Amino acid sequence: MRDFAKLLDGLVYTRSRNAKLKLIADYLRTTPDPDRGWAMAAMTGAIDIKAVKSAAIHQMVAERVDPELFAMSRDFVGDLAEARRRTCRSRRRHAHHLRRDRATRRAAARAGWPDVGRDA
């Protein structure tokens, strides 16, 4: 199951079609049956994943995560399905601000201005 999760994670973050095909081929080559069959069924849509209800996911998370942290996270994000999207979006936004701030400090240094972008 962890290998399948790693495969899905790799597929999400890989842009190249050929690299995605290599990830899938490597996974299928190294994974024994029946896991390989379950993975193929999940990736081709031949399995009914709708049977997994959000209440079941909520219960699994609640068993593994601090209840207060889970409650605060859920209040901040909304439902469980939005958690991944918002996290990725906020990481991209944070990276954009870091790049912009670095570029601003470099431009100020070239102009001979004092470094006001850092806390003293």
Protein backbone atom coordinates (compact mmCIF):
# COMPACT_ATOMS: atom_id res chain seq x y z
CA MET A 1 0.00 0.00 0.00
CA ARG A 2 2.84 2.40 0.78
CA ASP A 3 4.45 1.62 -2.56
CA PHE A 4 1.19 2.42 -4.33
CA ALA A 5 0.94 5.70 -2.40
CA LYS A 6 4.51 6.53 -3.47
CA LEU A 7 3.57 5.73 -7.07
CA LEU A 8 0.56 8.05 -6.97
CA ASP A 9 2.64 10.77 -5.34
CA GLY A 10 5.29 10.38 -8.04
CA LEU A 11 2.66 10.54 -10.79
CA VAL A 12 1.19 13.75 -9.37
CA TYR A 13 4.55 15.53 -9.15
CA THR A 14 6.07 14.25 -12.41
CA ARG A 15 5.46 16.32 -15.52
CA SER A 16 6.97 14.17 -18.24
CA ARG A 17 4.71 11.54 -19.81
CA ASN A 18 7.65 9.20 -20.35
CA ALA A 19 8.75 9.57 -16.73
CA LYS A 20 5.21 8.74 -15.60
CA LEU A 21 5.17 5.65 -17.80
CA LYS A 22 8.51 4.59 -16.33
CA LEU A 23 7.14 5.01 -12.78
CA ILE A 24 4.14 2.83 -13.62
CA ALA A 25 6.27 0.20 -15.38
CA ASP A 26 8.74 0.04 -12.49
CA TYR A 27 5.91 -0.30 -9.99
CA LEU A 28 4.22 -3.09 -11.96
CA ARG A 29 7.53 -4.89 -12.48
CA THR A 30 8.46 -4.95 -8.80
CA THR A 31 5.06 -5.33 -7.11
CA PRO A 32 3.74 -8.85 -6.47
CA ASP A 33 0.17 -10.03 -7.04
CA PRO A 34 -2.51 -9.22 -5.82
CA ASP A 35 -1.26 -5.68 -5.10
CA ARG A 36 -0.34 -5.23 -8.74
CA GLY A 37 -3.90 -6.13 -9.77
CA TRP A 38 -5.46 -3.76 -7.25
CA ALA A 39 -3.21 -0.97 -8.50
CA MET A 40 -4.17 -1.62 -12.12
CA ALA A 41 -7.86 -1.67 -11.19
CA ALA A 42 -7.54 1.60 -9.28
CA MET A 43 -5.59 3.36 -12.04
CA THR A 44 -7.94 2.21 -14.82
CA GLY A 45 -11.12 3.01 -12.92
CA ALA A 46 -12.21 -0.63 -12.75
CA ILE A 47 -12.59 -0.51 -8.97
CA ASP A 48 -15.38 1.22 -7.05
CA ILE A 49 -13.58 3.59 -4.69
CA LYS A 50 -16.85 5.36 -3.89
CA ALA A 51 -17.37 2.68 -1.25
CA VAL A 52 -14.77 4.49 0.88
CA LYS A 53 -16.80 7.10 2.72
CA SER A 54 -15.39 10.29 4.18
CA ALA A 55 -16.47 9.12 7.65
CA ALA A 56 -14.13 6.12 7.33
CA ILE A 57 -11.25 8.37 6.28
CA HIS A 58 -12.05 10.73 9.15
CA GLN A 59 -11.95 7.83 11.60
CA MET A 60 -8.59 6.54 10.26
CA VAL A 61 -7.02 9.99 10.53
CA ALA A 62 -8.45 10.55 13.99
CA GLU A 63 -6.82 7.29 15.17
CA ARG A 64 -3.37 8.37 13.96
CA VAL A 65 -3.27 12.15 14.52
CA ASP A 66 -3.58 14.29 17.62
CA PRO A 67 -7.32 15.11 17.89
CA GLU A 68 -6.81 18.81 18.58
CA LEU A 69 -4.36 19.21 15.70
CA PHE A 70 -6.75 17.37 13.38
CA ALA A 71 -9.67 19.57 14.46
CA MET A 72 -7.67 22.78 13.96
CA SER A 73 -6.42 21.60 10.56
CA ARG A 74 -9.90 20.67 9.45
CA ASP A 75 -11.29 24.02 10.63
CA PHE A 76 -8.58 25.85 8.69
CA VAL A 77 -8.78 23.80 5.48
CA GLY A 78 -12.42 22.79 5.31
CA ASP A 79 -13.20 19.24 4.25
CA LEU A 80 -10.70 16.42 3.92
CA ALA A 81 -10.73 16.49 0.12
CA GLU A 82 -9.45 20.08 0.00
CA ALA A 83 -6.48 19.52 2.31
CA ARG A 84 -3.99 18.40 -0.35
CA ARG A 85 -4.89 21.10 -2.87
CA ARG A 86 -4.64 23.96 -0.41
CA THR A 87 -1.36 22.71 1.02
CA CYS A 88 0.22 22.57 -2.45
CA ARG A 89 -1.19 25.98 -3.34
CA SER A 90 0.15 27.59 -0.17
CA ARG A 91 3.60 26.03 -0.74
CA ARG A 92 3.72 27.50 -4.24
CA ARG A 93 2.62 30.89 -2.93
CA HIS A 94 5.26 30.79 -0.18
CA ALA A 95 7.98 29.85 -2.69
CA HIS A 96 6.89 32.72 -4.96
CA HIS A 97 7.16 35.22 -2.10
CA LEU A 98 10.61 33.92 -1.14
CA ARG A 99 11.87 34.30 -4.72
CA ARG A 100 10.38 37.80 -4.95
CA ASP A 101 11.90 38.86 -1.62
CA ARG A 102 15.35 37.54 -2.61
CA ALA A 103 15.17 39.37 -5.94
CA THR A 104 14.14 42.59 -4.17
CA ARG A 105 17.05 42.33 -1.72
CA ARG A 106 19.53 41.67 -4.56
CA ALA A 107 18.23 44.69 -6.51
CA ALA A 108 18.46 46.87 -3.38
CA ALA A 109 22.03 45.70 -2.74
CA ARG A 110 23.02 46.54 -6.34
CA ALA A 111 21.51 50.01 -5.89
CA GLY A 112 23.45 50.49 -2.66
CA TRP A 113 20.39 50.54 -0.40
CA PRO A 114 20.57 49.10 3.11
CA ASP A 115 19.19 45.57 3.63
CA VAL A 116 15.80 46.35 5.17
CA GLY A 117 14.25 43.05 4.12
CA ARG A 118 15.74 41.09 7.02
CA ASP A 119 14.88 41.29 10.69
CA ALA A 120 17.69 42.63 12.83
